[in-house]
Amino acid sequence: MKPLRTAWRAWRALAHVLGGLWTIRRHFGQLTPAQRQQAVQAWSQRMLAHMGVALQVQGTAPTTGPLLVVANHLSWLDILVMNASGPAHFVSKADVKHWPLLGSLIAGAGTLFIERDSRRDTMRVVHHMADALRGGDVLAVFPEGTTSDGSSVLPFHANLLQAAISAHAPVQPVALAYRDAHGQASQAPVYVGDTTLLASLWRTLAADGLQAVVHHGRVQWAEGRDRRAWSTDLRLSIEAMLADTRAVMSLNLTLPSRPVSAGGPQTE
């Protein structure tokens, strides 16, 4: 029955993607920015439900800007999960827009793409980000620059934080984690090494009781820190939140009568 269930989830997810592309091409231009964000959040929540992924939100998700959100990076699923908890315009590496179907969807939602190996392109994107923050936008970036297996948080690239410093905007650290039905770290959505996008997608669809945990941390201001010092402090904040999440999940394993939650809303 598991292959049939996985195939059914895949079919529902594909239909939802196609519906999202239709909405972007035919209706997005008629919506206000706030309506677009609401539509993105609702679409993302439904997609997680179609895929069998439960969303657990801890802390306070962003609702208004200016704000730069920084998060650790594990999977292609991260953008979807974060948009389901608190939608933002993402800054992503340029090759994402070439992903089949998903690339068009991510681009249509207002993502800024960056050639990470090009210093000139990085500065171009930083200027765009600063302008967007001055305009009151909520932006999100993955400062690690690549995905990891979740065992640790990779060193942050500090360049994109210059946008928040230039725009005098705050930054919110966000810690992402994926857990299985037993509360243990799940490798199903992880997208690293030689793993293909389709293989990671199929593992995610086949997973039992997959939970995506989004822990929103305390909003920070630069307070005189340069981008390198600030990026180091943000990384430490995310590592501390991940440690808290692991501790809570371990506690929940010893208390089976309690729901798998550390506070905040849960959307399924």
C-alpha atoms as a PDB file:
ATOM      1  CA  MET A   1       0.000   0.000   0.000  1.00  0.00           C
ATOM      2  CA  LYS A   2       2.894   2.391   0.644  1.00  0.00           C
ATOM      3  CA  PRO A   3       3.866   2.761  -3.060  1.00  0.00           C
ATOM      4  CA  LEU A   4       0.228   3.470  -3.902  1.00  0.00           C
ATOM      5  CA  ARG A   5      -0.013   6.083  -1.173  1.00  0.00           C
ATOM      6  CA  THR A   6       3.228   7.689  -2.341  1.00  0.00           C
ATOM      7  CA  ALA A   7       1.994   7.778  -5.936  1.00  0.00           C
ATOM      8  CA  TRP A   8      -1.294   9.325  -4.797  1.00  0.00           C
ATOM      9  CA  ARG A   9       0.566  12.030  -2.890  1.00  0.00           C
ATOM     10  CA  ALA A  10       2.738  12.668  -5.956  1.00  0.00           C
ATOM     11  CA  TRP A  11      -0.324  13.044  -8.176  1.00  0.00           C
ATOM     12  CA  ARG A  12      -2.020  15.456  -5.778  1.00  0.00           C
ATOM     13  CA  ALA A  13       1.185  17.477  -5.420  1.00  0.00           C
ATOM     14  CA  LEU A  14       1.638  17.687  -9.200  1.00  0.00           C
ATOM     15  CA  ALA A  15      -1.944  18.836  -9.671  1.00  0.00           C
ATOM     16  CA  HIS A  16      -1.427  21.459  -6.974  1.00  0.00           C
ATOM     17  CA  VAL A  17       1.760  22.715  -8.648  1.00  0.00           C
ATOM     18  CA  LEU A  18      -0.034  23.047 -11.978  1.00  0.00           C
ATOM     19  CA  GLY A  19      -2.858  24.891 -10.268  1.00  0.00           C
ATOM     20  CA  GLY A  20      -0.357  27.243  -8.661  1.00  0.00           C
ATOM     21  CA  LEU A  21       1.291  27.989 -12.003  1.00  0.00           C
ATOM     22  CA  TRP A  22      -2.116  28.773 -13.504  1.00  0.00           C
ATOM     23  CA  THR A  23      -2.907  31.134 -10.639  1.00  0.00           C
ATOM     24  CA  ILE A  24       0.410  32.951 -10.975  1.00  0.00           C
ATOM     25  CA  ARG A  25       0.057  33.442 -14.721  1.00  0.00           C
ATOM     26  CA  ARG A  26      -3.609  34.416 -14.761  1.00  0.00           C
ATOM     27  CA  HIS A  27      -4.413  36.070 -11.443  1.00  0.00           C
ATOM     28  CA  PHE A  28      -1.291  37.185  -9.547  1.00  0.00           C
ATOM     29  CA  GLY A  29      -1.043  40.435 -11.481  1.00  0.00           C
ATOM     30  CA  GLN A  30      -4.476  41.452 -10.197  1.00  0.00           C
ATOM     31  CA  LEU A  31      -3.649  40.949  -6.517  1.00  0.00           C
ATOM     32  CA  THR A  32      -2.159  43.400  -4.038  1.00  0.00           C
ATOM     33  CA  PRO A  33       1.196  42.449  -2.450  1.00  0.00           C
ATOM     34  CA  ALA A  34      -0.608  41.476   0.765  1.00  0.00           C
ATOM     35  CA  GLN A  35      -3.077  39.298  -1.137  1.00  0.00           C
ATOM     36  CA  ARG A  36      -0.212  37.602  -2.969  1.00  0.00           C
ATOM     37  CA  GLN A  37       1.499  36.759   0.295  1.00  0.00           C
ATOM     38  CA  GLN A  38      -1.733  35.333   1.696  1.00  0.00           C
ATOM     39  CA  ALA A  39      -2.215  33.276  -1.462  1.00  0.00           C
ATOM     40  CA  VAL A  40       1.358  31.954  -1.275  1.00  0.00           C
ATOM     41  CA  GLN A  41       0.918  30.967   2.375  1.00  0.00           C
ATOM     42  CA  ALA A  42      -2.410  29.209   1.773  1.00  0.00           C
ATOM     43  CA  TRP A  43      -1.035  27.411  -1.303  1.00  0.00           C
ATOM     44  CA  SER A  44       2.066  26.284   0.615  1.00  0.00           C
ATOM     45  CA  GLN A  45       0.017  24.949   3.524  1.00  0.00           C
ATOM     46  CA  ARG A  46      -2.189  22.941   1.167  1.00  0.00           C
ATOM     47  CA  MET A  47       0.869  21.570  -0.633  1.00  0.00           C
ATOM     48  CA  LEU A  48       2.347  20.298   2.633  1.00  0.00           C
ATOM     49  CA  ALA A  49      -0.960  18.599   3.414  1.00  0.00           C
ATOM     50  CA  HIS A  50      -0.995  16.942  -0.023  1.00  0.00           C
ATOM     51  CA  MET A  51       2.537  15.668   0.594  1.00  0.00           C
ATOM     52  CA  GLY A  52       1.767  14.311   4.045  1.00  0.00           C
ATOM     53  CA  VAL A  53       4.030  16.796   5.844  1.00  0.00           C
ATOM     54  CA  ALA A  54       2.854  18.202   9.187  1.00  0.00           C
ATOM     55  CA  LEU A  55       3.964  21.749   9.982  1.00  0.00           C
ATOM     56  CA  GLN A  56       4.962  22.754  13.484  1.00  0.00           C
ATOM     57  CA  VAL A  57       5.622  26.467  14.055  1.00  0.00           C
ATOM     58  CA  GLN A  58       7.435  27.716  17.128  1.00  0.00           C
ATOM     59  CA  GLY A  59       7.835  31.382  17.995  1.00  0.00           C
ATOM     60  CA  THR A  60       6.356  34.286  16.075  1.00  0.00           C
ATOM     61  CA  ALA A  61       6.394  34.190  12.288  1.00  0.00           C
ATOM     62  CA  PRO A  62       6.932  37.482  10.435  1.00  0.00           C
ATOM     63  CA  THR A  63       3.865  39.288   9.140  1.00  0.00           C
ATOM     64  CA  THR A  64       5.199  42.691   8.121  1.00  0.00           C
ATOM     65  CA  GLY A  65       8.521  44.214   7.147  1.00  0.00           C
ATOM     66  CA  PRO A  66      11.021  45.537   6.838  1.00  0.00           C
ATOM     67  CA  LEU A  67      12.610  42.288   7.940  1.00  0.00           C
ATOM     68  CA  LEU A  68      15.337  39.953   6.716  1.00  0.00           C
ATOM     69  CA  VAL A  69      14.846  36.308   7.703  1.00  0.00           C
ATOM     70  CA  VAL A  70      17.904  34.026   7.782  1.00  0.00           C
ATOM     71  CA  ALA A  71      17.615  30.236   8.102  1.00  0.00           C
ATOM     72  CA  ASN A  72      19.676  27.069   7.941  1.00  0.00           C
ATOM     73  CA  HIS A  73      19.249  25.138   4.699  1.00  0.00           C
ATOM     74  CA  LEU A  74      18.469  21.417   4.385  1.00  0.00           C
ATOM     75  CA  SER A  75      16.239  20.862   1.395  1.00  0.00           C
ATOM     76  CA  TRP A  76      14.283  22.125  -1.591  1.00  0.00           C
ATOM     77  CA  LEU A  77      11.351  21.791   0.838  1.00  0.00           C
ATOM     78  CA  ASP A  78      12.632  24.657   3.028  1.00  0.00           C
ATOM     79  CA  ILE A  79      11.100  27.433   0.923  1.00  0.00           C
ATOM     80  CA  LEU A  80       7.729  25.727   0.926  1.00  0.00           C
ATOM     81  CA  VAL A  81       7.831  25.130   4.677  1.00  0.00           C
ATOM     82  CA  MET A  82       8.865  28.700   5.475  1.00  0.00           C
ATOM     83  CA  ASN A  83       6.220  30.163   3.170  1.00  0.00           C
ATOM     84  CA  ALA A  84       3.606  28.035   4.911  1.00  0.00           C
ATOM     85  CA  SER A  85       4.598  29.462   8.304  1.00  0.00           C
ATOM     86  CA  GLY A  86       5.277  33.069   7.308  1.00  0.00           C
ATOM     87  CA  PRO A  87       5.585  34.024   3.624  1.00  0.00           C
ATOM     88  CA  ALA A  88       8.549  36.038   2.377  1.00  0.00           C
ATOM     89  CA  HIS A  89      10.358  36.848  -0.836  1.00  0.00           C
ATOM     90  CA  PHE A  90      13.346  34.532  -1.057  1.00  0.00           C
ATOM     91  CA  VAL A  91      16.845  35.034  -2.394  1.00  0.00           C
ATOM     92  CA  SER A  92      17.948  31.785  -4.017  1.00  0.00           C
ATOM     93  CA  LYS A  93      20.771  30.492  -6.185  1.00  0.00           C
ATOM     94  CA  ALA A  94      20.115  30.917  -9.895  1.00  0.00           C
ATOM     95  CA  ASP A  95      19.967  27.230 -10.828  1.00  0.00           C
ATOM     96  CA  VAL A  96      16.746  26.817  -8.810  1.00  0.00           C
ATOM     97  CA  LYS A  97      14.757  28.588 -11.524  1.00  0.00           C
ATOM     98  CA  HIS A  98      15.694  25.760 -13.915  1.00  0.00           C
ATOM     99  CA  TRP A  99      14.088  23.064 -11.748  1.00  0.00           C
ATOM    100  CA  PRO A 100      11.193  21.361 -13.588  1.00  0.00           C
ATOM    101  CA  LEU A 101       7.873  23.053 -12.695  1.00  0.00           C
ATOM    102  CA  LEU A 102       9.068  24.059  -9.224  1.00  0.00           C
ATOM    103  CA  GLY A 103      11.493  26.599 -10.694  1.00  0.00           C
ATOM    104  CA  SER A 104       8.720  28.431 -12.536  1.00  0.00           C
ATOM    105  CA  LEU A 105       6.586  28.383  -9.413  1.00  0.00           C
ATOM    106  CA  ILE A 106       9.355  29.716  -7.176  1.00  0.00           C
ATOM    107  CA  ALA A 107      10.184  32.452  -9.689  1.00  0.00           C
ATOM    108  CA  GLY A 108       6.528  33.402 -10.040  1.00  0.00           C
ATOM    109  CA  ALA A 109       6.250  33.896  -6.281  1.00  0.00           C
ATOM    110  CA  GLY A 110       8.773  36.769  -6.478  1.00  0.00           C
ATOM    111  CA  THR A 111      12.086  35.088  -5.702  1.00  0.00           C
ATOM    112  CA  LEU A 112      15.302  37.006  -6.348  1.00  0.00           C
ATOM    113  CA  PHE A 113      17.919  34.815  -8.022  1.00  0.00           C
ATOM    114  CA  ILE A 114      21.649  35.198  -7.495  1.00  0.00           C
ATOM    115  CA  GLU A 115      24.758  33.838  -9.190  1.00  0.00           C
ATOM    116  CA  ARG A 116      26.625  32.961  -6.006  1.00  0.00           C
ATOM    117  CA  ASP A 117      30.007  32.653  -7.729  1.00  0.00           C
ATOM    118  CA  SER A 118      29.771  36.193  -9.115  1.00  0.00           C
ATOM    119  CA  ARG A 119      30.758  39.021  -6.790  1.00  0.00           C
ATOM    120  CA  ARG A 120      29.194  41.545  -9.160  1.00  0.00           C
ATOM    121  CA  ASP A 121      25.875  39.687  -9.128  1.00  0.00           C
ATOM    122  CA  THR A 122      25.992  39.448  -5.348  1.00  0.00           C
ATOM    123  CA  MET A 123      26.307  43.217  -5.083  1.00  0.00           C
ATOM    124  CA  ARG A 124      23.440  43.646  -7.561  1.00  0.00           C
ATOM    125  CA  VAL A 125      21.203  41.467  -5.426  1.00  0.00           C
ATOM    126  CA  VAL A 126      22.292  43.224  -2.202  1.00  0.00           C
ATOM    127  CA  HIS A 127      21.205  46.562  -3.702  1.00  0.00           C
ATOM    128  CA  HIS A 128      17.838  45.093  -4.733  1.00  0.00           C
ATOM    129  CA  MET A 129      17.394  43.588  -1.282  1.00  0.00           C
ATOM    130  CA  ALA A 130      18.183  46.875   0.451  1.00  0.00           C
ATOM    131  CA  ASP A 131      15.640  48.694  -1.735  1.00  0.00           C
ATOM    132  CA  ALA A 132      13.010  46.028  -0.990  1.00  0.00           C
ATOM    133  CA  LEU A 133      13.666  46.279   2.755  1.00  0.00           C
ATOM    134  CA  ARG A 134      13.368  50.060   2.638  1.00  0.00           C
ATOM    135  CA  GLY A 135      10.008  49.492   0.972  1.00  0.00           C
ATOM    136  CA  GLY A 136       8.837  47.387   3.918  1.00  0.00           C
ATOM    137  CA  ASP A 137       9.307  43.924   2.403  1.00  0.00           C
ATOM    138  CA  VAL A 138      10.014  40.625   4.199  1.00  0.00           C
ATOM    139  CA  LEU A 139      12.965  38.838   2.582  1.00  0.00           C
ATOM    140  CA  ALA A 140      14.452  35.435   3.375  1.00  0.00           C
ATOM    141  CA  VAL A 141      17.910  34.017   2.684  1.00  0.00           C
ATOM    142  CA  PHE A 142      19.911  30.861   3.404  1.00  0.00           C
ATOM    143  CA  PRO A 143      23.354  32.222   4.392  1.00  0.00           C
ATOM    144  CA  GLU A 144      25.016  28.790   4.301  1.00  0.00           C
ATOM    145  CA  GLY A 145      24.836  29.093   0.521  1.00  0.00           C
ATOM    146  CA  THR A 146      24.095  25.379   0.103  1.00  0.00           C
ATOM    147  CA  THR A 147      22.176  22.576   1.771  1.00  0.00           C
ATOM    148  CA  SER A 148      23.549  20.425   4.586  1.00  0.00           C
ATOM    149  CA  ASP A 149      22.582  17.069   6.102  1.00  0.00           C
ATOM    150  CA  GLY A 150      21.343  18.792   9.253  1.00  0.00           C
ATOM    151  CA  SER A 151      24.041  17.448  11.574  1.00  0.00           C
ATOM    152  CA  SER A 152      25.469  20.970  11.892  1.00  0.00           C
ATOM    153  CA  VAL A 153      24.966  24.494  10.617  1.00  0.00           C
ATOM    154  CA  LEU A 154      27.547  25.399   7.982  1.00  0.00           C
ATOM    155  CA  PRO A 155      29.464  28.713   8.205  1.00  0.00           C
ATOM    156  CA  PHE A 156      27.422  31.671   6.979  1.00  0.00           C
ATOM    157  CA  HIS A 157      28.281  33.856   4.002  1.00  0.00           C
ATOM    158  CA  ALA A 158      27.883  37.380   5.339  1.00  0.00           C
ATOM    159  CA  ASN A 159      27.525  39.368   2.099  1.00  0.00           C
ATOM    160  CA  LEU A 160      23.725  39.377   1.933  1.00  0.00           C
ATOM    161  CA  LEU A 161      23.462  40.716   5.489  1.00  0.00           C
ATOM    162  CA  GLN A 162      24.840  43.989   4.159  1.00  0.00           C
ATOM    163  CA  ALA A 163      21.365  44.670   2.768  1.00  0.00           C
ATOM    164  CA  ALA A 164      19.877  44.765   6.273  1.00  0.00           C
ATOM    165  CA  ILE A 165      22.696  46.971   7.538  1.00  0.00           C
ATOM    166  CA  SER A 166      22.337  49.393   4.621  1.00  0.00           C
ATOM    167  CA  ALA A 167      18.541  49.545   5.010  1.00  0.00           C
ATOM    168  CA  HIS A 168      18.693  49.743   8.832  1.00  0.00           C
ATOM    169  CA  ALA A 169      16.403  46.711   8.957  1.00  0.00           C
ATOM    170  CA  PRO A 170      16.185  43.966  11.606  1.00  0.00           C
ATOM    171  CA  VAL A 171      16.973  40.289  11.058  1.00  0.00           C
ATOM    172  CA  GLN A 172      15.147  37.252  12.389  1.00  0.00           C
ATOM    173  CA  PRO A 173      16.965  33.884  12.700  1.00  0.00           C
ATOM    174  CA  VAL A 174      14.921  30.792  11.848  1.00  0.00           C
ATOM    175  CA  ALA A 175      15.878  27.183  12.601  1.00  0.00           C
ATOM    176  CA  LEU A 176      14.550  24.425  10.332  1.00  0.00           C
ATOM    177  CA  ALA A 177      14.397  20.736  11.214  1.00  0.00           C
ATOM    178  CA  TYR A 178      12.648  17.639   9.873  1.00  0.00           C
ATOM    179  CA  ARG A 179      11.484  14.832  12.161  1.00  0.00           C
ATOM    180  CA  ASP A 180       9.970  11.433  11.549  1.00  0.00           C
ATOM    181  CA  ALA A 181       6.944   9.951  13.271  1.00  0.00           C
ATOM    182  CA  HIS A 182       9.133   8.974  16.250  1.00  0.00           C
ATOM    183  CA  GLY A 183      10.548  12.452  16.748  1.00  0.00           C
ATOM    184  CA  GLN A 184      13.958  11.559  15.331  1.00  0.00           C
ATOM    185  CA  ALA A 185      15.786  13.601  12.694  1.00  0.00           C
ATOM    186  CA  SER A 186      14.528  12.627   9.235  1.00  0.00           C
ATOM    187  CA  GLN A 187      16.797  12.469   6.214  1.00  0.00           C
ATOM    188  CA  ALA A 188      13.866  12.081   3.800  1.00  0.00           C
ATOM    189  CA  PRO A 189      13.769  15.699   2.535  1.00  0.00           C
ATOM    190  CA  VAL A 190      17.534  16.313   2.760  1.00  0.00           C
ATOM    191  CA  TYR A 191      18.993  17.343  -0.596  1.00  0.00           C
ATOM    192  CA  VAL A 192      22.792  17.051  -0.490  1.00  0.00           C
ATOM    193  CA  GLY A 193      25.662  15.379  -2.322  1.00  0.00           C
ATOM    194  CA  ASP A 194      24.729  13.148  -5.241  1.00  0.00           C
ATOM    195  CA  THR A 195      21.044  13.030  -4.298  1.00  0.00           C
ATOM    196  CA  THR A 196      18.835  14.092  -7.198  1.00  0.00           C
ATOM    197  CA  LEU A 197      15.852  16.391  -6.803  1.00  0.00           C
ATOM    198  CA  LEU A 198      13.468  13.623  -7.897  1.00  0.00           C
ATOM    199  CA  ALA A 199      14.975  11.127  -5.445  1.00  0.00           C
ATOM    200  CA  SER A 200      14.640  13.565  -2.562  1.00  0.00           C
ATOM    201  CA  LEU A 201      11.080  14.402  -3.613  1.00  0.00           C
ATOM    202  CA  TRP A 202      10.084  10.726  -3.748  1.00  0.00           C
ATOM    203  CA  ARG A 203      11.637  10.014  -0.326  1.00  0.00           C
ATOM    204  CA  THR A 204       9.679  12.928   1.103  1.00  0.00           C
ATOM    205  CA  LEU A 205       6.402  11.721  -0.383  1.00  0.00           C
ATOM    206  CA  ALA A 206       7.046   8.188   0.898  1.00  0.00           C
ATOM    207  CA  ALA A 207       7.914   9.230   4.450  1.00  0.00           C
ATOM    208  CA  ASP A 208       5.593   8.266   7.313  1.00  0.00           C
ATOM    209  CA  GLY A 209       4.628  11.001   9.756  1.00  0.00           C
ATOM    210  CA  LEU A 210       7.101  13.569   8.452  1.00  0.00           C
ATOM    211  CA  GLN A 211       7.139  16.770  10.492  1.00  0.00           C
ATOM    212  CA  ALA A 212       8.654  20.097   9.470  1.00  0.00           C
ATOM    213  CA  VAL A 213       9.648  22.236  12.451  1.00  0.00           C
ATOM    214  CA  VAL A 214      10.079  25.991  11.934  1.00  0.00           C
ATOM    215  CA  HIS A 215      11.464  27.788  14.978  1.00  0.00           C
ATOM    216  CA  HIS A 216      11.304  31.584  14.690  1.00  0.00           C
ATOM    217  CA  GLY A 217      13.847  33.283  16.900  1.00  0.00           C
ATOM    218  CA  ARG A 218      14.112  36.727  18.436  1.00  0.00           C
ATOM    219  CA  VAL A 219      14.369  39.636  16.002  1.00  0.00           C
ATOM    220  CA  GLN A 220      17.800  41.276  16.116  1.00  0.00           C
ATOM    221  CA  TRP A 221      19.223  44.648  15.101  1.00  0.00           C
ATOM    222  CA  ALA A 222      22.809  45.222  14.014  1.00  0.00           C
ATOM    223  CA  GLU A 223      23.631  47.333  17.087  1.00  0.00           C
ATOM    224  CA  GLY A 224      26.989  48.337  15.650  1.00  0.00           C
ATOM    225  CA  ARG A 225      28.011  44.887  14.409  1.00  0.00           C
ATOM    226  CA  ASP A 226      29.434  44.536  10.926  1.00  0.00           C
ATOM    227  CA  ARG A 227      28.016  41.856   8.633  1.00  0.00           C
ATOM    228  CA  ARG A 228      30.606  39.224   9.579  1.00  0.00           C
ATOM    229  CA  ALA A 229      30.127  39.587  13.318  1.00  0.00           C
ATOM    230  CA  TRP A 230      26.359  39.674  12.900  1.00  0.00           C
ATOM    231  CA  SER A 231      26.321  36.576  10.691  1.00  0.00           C
ATOM    232  CA  THR A 232      28.343  34.677  13.299  1.00  0.00           C
ATOM    233  CA  ASP A 233      25.897  35.646  16.051  1.00  0.00           C
ATOM    234  CA  LEU A 234      22.908  34.677  13.894  1.00  0.00           C
ATOM    235  CA  ARG A 235      24.438  31.279  13.174  1.00  0.00           C
ATOM    236  CA  LEU A 236      24.964  30.708  16.898  1.00  0.00           C
ATOM    237  CA  SER A 237      21.336  31.675  17.536  1.00  0.00           C
ATOM    238  CA  ILE A 238      20.121  29.109  15.004  1.00  0.00           C
ATOM    239  CA  GLU A 239      22.374  26.406  16.478  1.00  0.00           C
ATOM    240  CA  ALA A 240      20.927  27.140  19.924  1.00  0.00           C
ATOM    241  CA  MET A 241      17.345  26.919  18.591  1.00  0.00           C
ATOM    242  CA  LEU A 242      18.098  23.596  16.908  1.00  0.00           C
ATOM    243  CA  ALA A 243      19.487  22.283  20.195  1.00  0.00           C
ATOM    244  CA  ASP A 244      16.285  23.390  21.945  1.00  0.00           C
ATOM    245  CA  THR A 245      14.184  21.667  19.279  1.00  0.00           C
ATOM    246  CA  ARG A 246      16.128  18.416  19.700  1.00  0.00           C
ATOM    247  CA  ALA A 247      15.666  18.607  23.473  1.00  0.00           C
ATOM    248  CA  VAL A 248      11.934  19.180  23.158  1.00  0.00           C
ATOM    249  CA  MET A 249      11.551  16.304  20.716  1.00  0.00           C
ATOM    250  CA  SER A 250      13.442  13.997  23.101  1.00  0.00           C
ATOM    251  CA  LEU A 251      11.158  15.082  25.938  1.00  0.00           C
ATOM    252  CA  ASN A 252       8.088  14.376  23.832  1.00  0.00           C
ATOM    253  CA  LEU A 253       9.403  10.848  23.191  1.00  0.00           C
ATOM    254  CA  THR A 254       9.264  10.178  26.935  1.00  0.00           C
ATOM    255  CA  LEU A 255       5.777  11.694  27.211  1.00  0.00           C
ATOM    256  CA  PRO A 256       3.699   9.939  24.521  1.00  0.00           C
ATOM    257  CA  SER A 257       0.432  11.376  25.820  1.00  0.00           C
ATOM    258  CA  ARG A 258       1.512  14.896  24.859  1.00  0.00           C
ATOM    259  CA  PRO A 259       1.271  16.276  21.305  1.00  0.00           C
ATOM    260  CA  VAL A 260       4.496  16.709  19.360  1.00  0.00           C
ATOM    261  CA  SER A 261       4.651  20.462  19.861  1.00  0.00           C
ATOM    262  CA  ALA A 262       6.760  22.985  21.728  1.00  0.00           C
ATOM    263  CA  GLY A 263       4.252  25.779  21.498  1.00  0.00           C
ATOM    264  CA  GLY A 264       2.896  27.902  18.691  1.00  0.00           C
ATOM    265  CA  PRO A 265       0.340  26.931  16.083  1.00  0.00           C
ATOM    266  CA  GLN A 266       0.435  23.594  14.271  1.00  0.00           C
ATOM    267  CA  THR A 267      -0.899  23.300  10.744  1.00  0.00           C
ATOM    268  CA  GLU A 268      -1.533  20.000   9.024  1.00  0.00           C
END
